[in-house]
C-alpha atoms as a PDB file:
ATOM      1  CA  MET A   1       3.917 -14.971  -0.726  1.00  0.00           C
ATOM      2  CA  THR A   2       4.979 -13.440   2.585  1.00  0.00           C
ATOM      3  CA  GLU A   3       3.313 -10.437   4.224  1.00  0.00           C
ATOM      4  CA  ILE A   4       6.227  -8.180   3.303  1.00  0.00           C
ATOM      5  CA  ASP A   5       6.021  -9.321  -0.376  1.00  0.00           C
ATOM      6  CA  ARG A   6       2.406  -8.519  -0.401  1.00  0.00           C
ATOM      7  CA  ILE A   7       3.013  -4.990   1.077  1.00  0.00           C
ATOM      8  CA  LEU A   8       5.807  -4.260  -1.374  1.00  0.00           C
ATOM      9  CA  ILE A   9       3.508  -5.185  -4.241  1.00  0.00           C
ATOM     10  CA  GLU A  10       0.835  -3.000  -2.837  1.00  0.00           C
ATOM     11  CA  CYS A  11       3.313  -0.144  -2.723  1.00  0.00           C
ATOM     12  CA  ARG A  12       4.479  -0.732  -6.240  1.00  0.00           C
ATOM     13  CA  LEU A  13       0.921  -0.712  -7.619  1.00  0.00           C
ATOM     14  CA  LEU A  14       0.014   2.381  -5.633  1.00  0.00           C
ATOM     15  CA  LEU A  15       3.049   4.307  -6.650  1.00  0.00           C
ATOM     16  CA  SER A  16       3.337   3.279 -10.300  1.00  0.00           C
ATOM     17  CA  LEU A  17      -0.402   2.988 -11.303  1.00  0.00           C
ATOM     18  CA  ASN A  18      -1.700   5.635  -8.704  1.00  0.00           C
ATOM     19  CA  LYS A  19      -4.376   3.225  -7.464  1.00  0.00           C
ATOM     20  CA  ASN A  20      -6.501   3.673  -4.313  1.00  0.00           C
ATOM     21  CA  TYR A  21      -7.350   1.098  -1.618  1.00  0.00           C
ATOM     22  CA  SER A  22     -10.382  -0.366  -3.247  1.00  0.00           C
ATOM     23  CA  GLU A  23      -8.647  -0.603  -6.687  1.00  0.00           C
ATOM     24  CA  LEU A  24      -5.726  -2.401  -4.992  1.00  0.00           C
ATOM     25  CA  SER A  25      -8.175  -4.627  -3.257  1.00  0.00           C
ATOM     26  CA  ASN A  26      -9.756  -5.685  -6.557  1.00  0.00           C
ATOM     27  CA  ILE A  27      -6.480  -6.306  -8.281  1.00  0.00           C
ATOM     28  CA  LEU A  28      -4.803  -8.268  -5.527  1.00  0.00           C
ATOM     29  CA  HIS A  29      -8.098  -9.953  -4.132  1.00  0.00           C
ATOM     30  CA  VAL A  30      -7.152  -8.842  -0.596  1.00  0.00           C
ATOM     31  CA  ASN A  31      -9.544  -7.184   1.706  1.00  0.00           C
ATOM     32  CA  GLU A  32      -9.455  -3.336   1.621  1.00  0.00           C
ATOM     33  CA  ASP A  33      -8.909  -3.192   5.403  1.00  0.00           C
ATOM     34  CA  ILE A  34      -5.842  -5.390   5.096  1.00  0.00           C
ATOM     35  CA  ILE A  35      -4.395  -3.105   2.424  1.00  0.00           C
ATOM     36  CA  TYR A  36      -5.099  -0.087   4.597  1.00  0.00           C
ATOM     37  CA  ASP A  37      -3.340  -1.586   7.641  1.00  0.00           C
ATOM     38  CA  ASP A  38      -0.451  -2.729   5.482  1.00  0.00           C
ATOM     39  CA  LEU A  39       0.253   0.741   4.082  1.00  0.00           C
ATOM     40  CA  ASN A  40      -0.561   2.870   6.974  1.00  0.00           C
ATOM     41  CA  ASN A  41       0.681   0.688   9.875  1.00  0.00           C
ATOM     42  CA  LYS A  42       2.994  -2.188   8.978  1.00  0.00           C
ATOM     43  CA  LEU A  43       4.972  -0.553   6.128  1.00  0.00           C
ATOM     44  CA  LYS A  44       6.579   2.202   8.293  1.00  0.00           C
ATOM     45  CA  PHE A  45       8.228  -0.467  10.548  1.00  0.00           C
ATOM     46  CA  PHE A  46      10.348  -1.987   7.829  1.00  0.00           C
ATOM     47  CA  ASP A  47      10.784   0.702   5.144  1.00  0.00           C
ATOM     48  CA  THR A  48      10.424   4.268   6.452  1.00  0.00           C
ATOM     49  CA  LYS A  49      11.314   5.913   3.138  1.00  0.00           C
ATOM     50  CA  LEU A  50       8.874   3.842   1.125  1.00  0.00           C
ATOM     51  CA  TYR A  51       6.252   4.576   3.737  1.00  0.00           C
ATOM     52  CA  ASN A  52       6.842   8.315   3.322  1.00  0.00           C
ATOM     53  CA  ARG A  53       6.418   8.060  -0.444  1.00  0.00           C
ATOM     54  CA  VAL A  54       3.192   6.031  -0.095  1.00  0.00           C
ATOM     55  CA  TYR A  55       1.941   8.475   2.616  1.00  0.00           C
ATOM     56  CA  GLN A  56       2.517  11.462   0.264  1.00  0.00           C
ATOM     57  CA  VAL A  57       0.489   9.786  -2.583  1.00  0.00           C
ATOM     58  CA  LEU A  58      -2.367   8.692  -0.379  1.00  0.00           C
ATOM     59  CA  LYS A  59      -2.513  12.257   1.246  1.00  0.00           C
ATOM     60  CA  GLU A  60      -2.841  13.760  -2.278  1.00  0.00           C
ATOM     61  CA  LYS A  61      -5.688  11.333  -3.174  1.00  0.00           C
ATOM     62  CA  SER A  62      -7.693  12.187  -0.158  1.00  0.00           C
END
């Protein structure tokens, strides 16, 4: 699985199941810090529209 594939899976789970970082971490068996970095830093460089959707969901959860 490539890094982009992992990020897209994280986004899909976050948006469809309304999961938070720790829940995603448990589902994907990936460190929570990596998921945070993926969704908050890396995602915006390859899909701005998806980043904005993810950002809105994360903003509402905090």
